[in-house]
């Protein structure tokens, strides 16, 4: 196994307690080396636990892509388009579904050039279904460079950093 595949296996070992790992598959016209999903059922109560006001679901999808070497802007934009196309395949809007997060993670050897890293940091799309009554989806990206031991991500994904850090 290559060092990128080893890094992906380390990440998979960290998330298996919380996510269902579906393995490699094509979603949104892009081949992903690992797809993981987590669904959480939530309830809101009124004063006591048996007085349930409503129930809803929060979903989180992780799409991992291995890109050897130094990723180019075209490769990153292809990953971003794949995330946008994946919305149609994996998101099921409904009154019980609230938020769905789709996070694309690029695992690579070296950090990309600054304009490419800036496009990863800035990438965030939000789409509402039926004015938000049937939920919404948020698309974001992150990148981890194995050889450089650096991580590129948005500030809103700071809790995601511990998952991508090297042990």
C-alpha atoms as a PDB file:
ATOM      1  CA  UNK A   1       0.000   0.000   0.000  1.00  0.00           C
ATOM      2  CA  UNK A   2       1.138   3.529  -0.711  1.00  0.00           C
ATOM      3  CA  UNK A   3       1.479   6.199   1.954  1.00  0.00           C
ATOM      4  CA  UNK A   4      -1.759   7.844   0.735  1.00  0.00           C
ATOM      5  CA  UNK A   5      -3.651   4.574   1.135  1.00  0.00           C
ATOM      6  CA  UNK A   6      -2.111   4.107   4.584  1.00  0.00           C
ATOM      7  CA  UNK A   7      -3.249   7.601   5.581  1.00  0.00           C
ATOM      8  CA  UNK A   8      -6.754   6.847   4.311  1.00  0.00           C
ATOM      9  CA  UNK A   9      -6.817   3.639   6.383  1.00  0.00           C
ATOM     10  CA  UNK A  10      -5.800   5.641   9.491  1.00  0.00           C
ATOM     11  CA  UNK A  11      -8.657   8.078   8.909  1.00  0.00           C
ATOM     12  CA  UNK A  12     -11.056   5.179   8.315  1.00  0.00           C
ATOM     13  CA  UNK A  13     -10.012   3.594  11.620  1.00  0.00           C
ATOM     14  CA  UNK A  14     -10.797   6.868  13.417  1.00  0.00           C
ATOM     15  CA  UNK A  15     -14.271   7.300  11.949  1.00  0.00           C
ATOM     16  CA  UNK A  16     -15.639   3.740  11.968  1.00  0.00           C
ATOM     17  CA  UNK A  17     -17.146   4.196  15.442  1.00  0.00           C
ATOM     18  CA  UNK A  18     -19.331   7.049  14.204  1.00  0.00           C
ATOM     19  CA  UNK A  19     -19.703   6.499  10.462  1.00  0.00           C
ATOM     20  CA  UNK A  20     -20.781   3.706   8.159  1.00  0.00           C
ATOM     21  CA  UNK A  21     -17.919   3.315   5.693  1.00  0.00           C
ATOM     22  CA  UNK A  22     -19.233   2.316   2.285  1.00  0.00           C
ATOM     23  CA  UNK A  23     -15.798   1.932   0.690  1.00  0.00           C
ATOM     24  CA  UNK A  24     -14.851   3.097  -2.785  1.00  0.00           C
ATOM     25  CA  UNK A  25     -17.664   4.103  -5.119  1.00  0.00           C
ATOM     26  CA  UNK A  26     -18.663   6.595  -7.777  1.00  0.00           C
ATOM     27  CA  UNK A  27     -20.974   9.404  -6.639  1.00  0.00           C
ATOM     28  CA  UNK A  28     -21.715  12.562  -8.600  1.00  0.00           C
ATOM     29  CA  UNK A  29     -19.640  11.399 -11.545  1.00  0.00           C
ATOM     30  CA  UNK A  30     -16.450  11.206  -9.446  1.00  0.00           C
ATOM     31  CA  UNK A  31     -14.754   8.056  -8.181  1.00  0.00           C
ATOM     32  CA  UNK A  32     -14.218   8.435  -4.420  1.00  0.00           C
ATOM     33  CA  UNK A  33     -11.703   6.216  -2.654  1.00  0.00           C
ATOM     34  CA  UNK A  34     -13.829   6.169   0.510  1.00  0.00           C
ATOM     35  CA  UNK A  35     -17.402   7.240   1.205  1.00  0.00           C
ATOM     36  CA  UNK A  36     -18.632   7.411   4.804  1.00  0.00           C
ATOM     37  CA  UNK A  37     -22.040   8.434   6.138  1.00  0.00           C
ATOM     38  CA  UNK A  38     -23.518   9.165   9.550  1.00  0.00           C
ATOM     39  CA  UNK A  39     -27.211   9.739  10.343  1.00  0.00           C
ATOM     40  CA  UNK A  40     -28.303  11.038  13.746  1.00  0.00           C
ATOM     41  CA  UNK A  41     -31.899  11.046  14.900  1.00  0.00           C
ATOM     42  CA  UNK A  42     -32.731  13.986  17.173  1.00  0.00           C
ATOM     43  CA  UNK A  43     -35.807  14.966  19.211  1.00  0.00           C
ATOM     44  CA  UNK A  44     -36.952  18.221  20.760  1.00  0.00           C
ATOM     45  CA  UNK A  45     -38.902  18.041  23.996  1.00  0.00           C
ATOM     46  CA  UNK A  46     -41.259  20.338  25.852  1.00  0.00           C
ATOM     47  CA  UNK A  47     -40.396  20.314  29.574  1.00  0.00           C
ATOM     48  CA  UNK A  48     -40.400  16.505  29.916  1.00  0.00           C
ATOM     49  CA  UNK A  49     -38.927  13.723  27.834  1.00  0.00           C
ATOM     50  CA  UNK A  50     -42.256  12.099  26.967  1.00  0.00           C
ATOM     51  CA  UNK A  51     -43.604  15.369  25.465  1.00  0.00           C
ATOM     52  CA  UNK A  52     -41.864  15.242  22.113  1.00  0.00           C
ATOM     53  CA  UNK A  53     -42.346  18.382  20.054  1.00  0.00           C
ATOM     54  CA  UNK A  54     -40.720  17.070  16.885  1.00  0.00           C
ATOM     55  CA  UNK A  55     -38.166  14.627  15.530  1.00  0.00           C
ATOM     56  CA  UNK A  56     -35.563  15.353  12.888  1.00  0.00           C
ATOM     57  CA  UNK A  57     -32.477  13.864  11.321  1.00  0.00           C
ATOM     58  CA  UNK A  58     -28.985  15.261  10.705  1.00  0.00           C
ATOM     59  CA  UNK A  59     -26.751  13.556   8.143  1.00  0.00           C
ATOM     60  CA  UNK A  60     -23.062  13.911   7.410  1.00  0.00           C
ATOM     61  CA  UNK A  61     -21.328  12.494   4.344  1.00  0.00           C
ATOM     62  CA  UNK A  62     -17.535  12.318   3.900  1.00  0.00           C
ATOM     63  CA  UNK A  63     -16.058  11.801   0.435  1.00  0.00           C
ATOM     64  CA  UNK A  64     -12.322  10.988   0.367  1.00  0.00           C
ATOM     65  CA  UNK A  65     -10.260  11.348  -2.818  1.00  0.00           C
ATOM     66  CA  UNK A  66      -6.605  10.330  -3.208  1.00  0.00           C
ATOM     67  CA  UNK A  67      -4.595  12.618  -5.517  1.00  0.00           C
ATOM     68  CA  UNK A  68      -0.890  11.706  -5.748  1.00  0.00           C
ATOM     69  CA  UNK A  69       1.709  14.474  -5.985  1.00  0.00           C
ATOM     70  CA  UNK A  70       0.591  18.116  -5.845  1.00  0.00           C
ATOM     71  CA  UNK A  71      -3.069  18.723  -6.790  1.00  0.00           C
ATOM     72  CA  UNK A  72      -3.842  21.257  -9.500  1.00  0.00           C
ATOM     73  CA  UNK A  73      -6.706  23.721  -9.653  1.00  0.00           C
ATOM     74  CA  UNK A  74      -8.443  21.579 -12.299  1.00  0.00           C
ATOM     75  CA  UNK A  75      -8.336  18.502 -10.049  1.00  0.00           C
ATOM     76  CA  UNK A  76      -9.731  20.463  -7.074  1.00  0.00           C
ATOM     77  CA  UNK A  77     -12.494  21.967  -9.220  1.00  0.00           C
ATOM     78  CA  UNK A  78     -13.396  18.476 -10.469  1.00  0.00           C
ATOM     79  CA  UNK A  79     -13.745  17.361  -6.840  1.00  0.00           C
ATOM     80  CA  UNK A  80     -15.924  20.413  -6.108  1.00  0.00           C
ATOM     81  CA  UNK A  81     -18.169  19.667  -9.101  1.00  0.00           C
ATOM     82  CA  UNK A  82     -18.410  16.053  -7.943  1.00  0.00           C
ATOM     83  CA  UNK A  83     -19.603  17.223  -4.522  1.00  0.00           C
ATOM     84  CA  UNK A  84     -22.218  19.480  -6.125  1.00  0.00           C
ATOM     85  CA  UNK A  85     -23.444  16.610  -8.320  1.00  0.00           C
ATOM     86  CA  UNK A  86     -23.534  14.259  -5.317  1.00  0.00           C
ATOM     87  CA  UNK A  87     -26.282  16.375  -3.733  1.00  0.00           C
ATOM     88  CA  UNK A  88     -28.820  14.958  -6.187  1.00  0.00           C
ATOM     89  CA  UNK A  89     -27.776  11.376  -5.428  1.00  0.00           C
ATOM     90  CA  UNK A  90     -27.390  11.276  -1.643  1.00  0.00           C
ATOM     91  CA  UNK A  91     -29.611  14.023  -0.176  1.00  0.00           C
ATOM     92  CA  UNK A  92     -33.243  13.115   0.443  1.00  0.00           C
ATOM     93  CA  UNK A  93     -35.109  16.337   1.338  1.00  0.00           C
ATOM     94  CA  UNK A  94     -38.082  15.976   3.643  1.00  0.00           C
ATOM     95  CA  UNK A  95     -39.785  17.511   6.639  1.00  0.00           C
ATOM     96  CA  UNK A  96     -37.909  15.114   8.964  1.00  0.00           C
ATOM     97  CA  UNK A  97     -34.498  15.777   7.390  1.00  0.00           C
ATOM     98  CA  UNK A  98     -32.853  18.965   8.653  1.00  0.00           C
ATOM     99  CA  UNK A  99     -29.172  19.470   7.869  1.00  0.00           C
ATOM    100  CA  UNK A 100     -27.011  17.413   5.538  1.00  0.00           C
ATOM    101  CA  UNK A 101     -23.281  18.096   5.352  1.00  0.00           C
ATOM    102  CA  UNK A 102     -21.191  16.893   2.435  1.00  0.00           C
ATOM    103  CA  UNK A 103     -17.458  17.198   3.101  1.00  0.00           C
ATOM    104  CA  UNK A 104     -14.970  16.437   0.376  1.00  0.00           C
ATOM    105  CA  UNK A 105     -11.498  15.496   1.647  1.00  0.00           C
ATOM    106  CA  UNK A 106      -8.483  15.373  -0.651  1.00  0.00           C
ATOM    107  CA  UNK A 107      -5.566  13.242   0.573  1.00  0.00           C
ATOM    108  CA  UNK A 108      -2.360  14.153  -1.269  1.00  0.00           C
ATOM    109  CA  UNK A 109       1.421  14.130  -0.937  1.00  0.00           C
ATOM    110  CA  UNK A 110       2.212  17.865  -1.086  1.00  0.00           C
ATOM    111  CA  UNK A 111       0.386  21.102  -0.374  1.00  0.00           C
ATOM    112  CA  UNK A 112      -1.041  22.757  -3.491  1.00  0.00           C
ATOM    113  CA  UNK A 113      -0.081  26.221  -4.689  1.00  0.00           C
ATOM    114  CA  UNK A 114      -1.563  29.156  -2.767  1.00  0.00           C
ATOM    115  CA  UNK A 115      -4.440  29.929  -5.217  1.00  0.00           C
ATOM    116  CA  UNK A 116      -5.511  26.281  -5.081  1.00  0.00           C
ATOM    117  CA  UNK A 117      -5.324  26.211  -1.265  1.00  0.00           C
ATOM    118  CA  UNK A 118      -7.343  29.448  -1.167  1.00  0.00           C
ATOM    119  CA  UNK A 119     -10.073  27.880  -3.311  1.00  0.00           C
ATOM    120  CA  UNK A 120     -10.310  24.987  -0.844  1.00  0.00           C
ATOM    121  CA  UNK A 121     -10.531  27.356   2.132  1.00  0.00           C
ATOM    122  CA  UNK A 122     -13.200  29.490   0.454  1.00  0.00           C
ATOM    123  CA  UNK A 123     -15.310  26.621  -0.853  1.00  0.00           C
ATOM    124  CA  UNK A 124     -18.660  26.495   0.903  1.00  0.00           C
ATOM    125  CA  UNK A 125     -22.028  26.080  -0.759  1.00  0.00           C
ATOM    126  CA  UNK A 126     -25.418  26.007   0.896  1.00  0.00           C
ATOM    127  CA  UNK A 127     -28.652  24.916  -0.727  1.00  0.00           C
ATOM    128  CA  UNK A 128     -32.091  24.964   0.866  1.00  0.00           C
ATOM    129  CA  UNK A 129     -35.001  22.747  -0.052  1.00  0.00           C
ATOM    130  CA  UNK A 130     -38.467  24.268   0.015  1.00  0.00           C
ATOM    131  CA  UNK A 131     -37.258  27.439   1.814  1.00  0.00           C
ATOM    132  CA  UNK A 132     -35.463  25.305   4.396  1.00  0.00           C
ATOM    133  CA  UNK A 133     -38.619  23.531   5.585  1.00  0.00           C
ATOM    134  CA  UNK A 134     -37.442  20.309   3.940  1.00  0.00           C
ATOM    135  CA  UNK A 135     -33.877  20.803   5.128  1.00  0.00           C
ATOM    136  CA  UNK A 136     -30.679  22.130   3.651  1.00  0.00           C
ATOM    137  CA  UNK A 137     -27.294  20.910   2.515  1.00  0.00           C
ATOM    138  CA  UNK A 138     -23.858  22.414   3.173  1.00  0.00           C
ATOM    139  CA  UNK A 139     -20.872  21.517   0.964  1.00  0.00           C
ATOM    140  CA  UNK A 140     -17.305  22.054   2.218  1.00  0.00           C
ATOM    141  CA  UNK A 141     -13.792  20.820   1.476  1.00  0.00           C
ATOM    142  CA  UNK A 142     -10.583  19.930   3.279  1.00  0.00           C
ATOM    143  CA  UNK A 143      -7.129  18.773   2.202  1.00  0.00           C
ATOM    144  CA  UNK A 144      -4.442  16.852   4.040  1.00  0.00           C
ATOM    145  CA  UNK A 145      -0.878  16.661   2.700  1.00  0.00           C
ATOM    146  CA  UNK A 146       0.880  13.504   3.906  1.00  0.00           C
ATOM    147  CA  UNK A 147       4.510  14.399   3.105  1.00  0.00           C
ATOM    148  CA  UNK A 148       4.215  18.017   4.265  1.00  0.00           C
ATOM    149  CA  UNK A 149       2.101  17.049   7.306  1.00  0.00           C
ATOM    150  CA  UNK A 150      -0.171  20.072   6.737  1.00  0.00           C
ATOM    151  CA  UNK A 151      -3.930  20.492   6.605  1.00  0.00           C
ATOM    152  CA  UNK A 152      -5.960  23.015   4.587  1.00  0.00           C
ATOM    153  CA  UNK A 153      -9.584  23.604   5.624  1.00  0.00           C
ATOM    154  CA  UNK A 154     -12.189  26.247   6.441  1.00  0.00           C
ATOM    155  CA  UNK A 155     -12.403  27.752   9.912  1.00  0.00           C
ATOM    156  CA  UNK A 156     -15.886  26.263  10.262  1.00  0.00           C
ATOM    157  CA  UNK A 157     -14.315  22.786  10.011  1.00  0.00           C
ATOM    158  CA  UNK A 158     -11.859  23.290  12.889  1.00  0.00           C
ATOM    159  CA  UNK A 159     -13.316  20.322  14.798  1.00  0.00           C
ATOM    160  CA  UNK A 160     -12.559  18.256  11.687  1.00  0.00           C
ATOM    161  CA  UNK A 161      -8.818  18.998  12.089  1.00  0.00           C
ATOM    162  CA  UNK A 162      -8.324  16.355  14.801  1.00  0.00           C
ATOM    163  CA  UNK A 163      -9.582  13.688  12.392  1.00  0.00           C
ATOM    164  CA  UNK A 164      -7.094  14.635   9.676  1.00  0.00           C
ATOM    165  CA  UNK A 165      -4.027  15.180  11.882  1.00  0.00           C
ATOM    166  CA  UNK A 166      -1.240  12.627  11.751  1.00  0.00           C
ATOM    167  CA  UNK A 167      -0.748  10.456  14.804  1.00  0.00           C
END
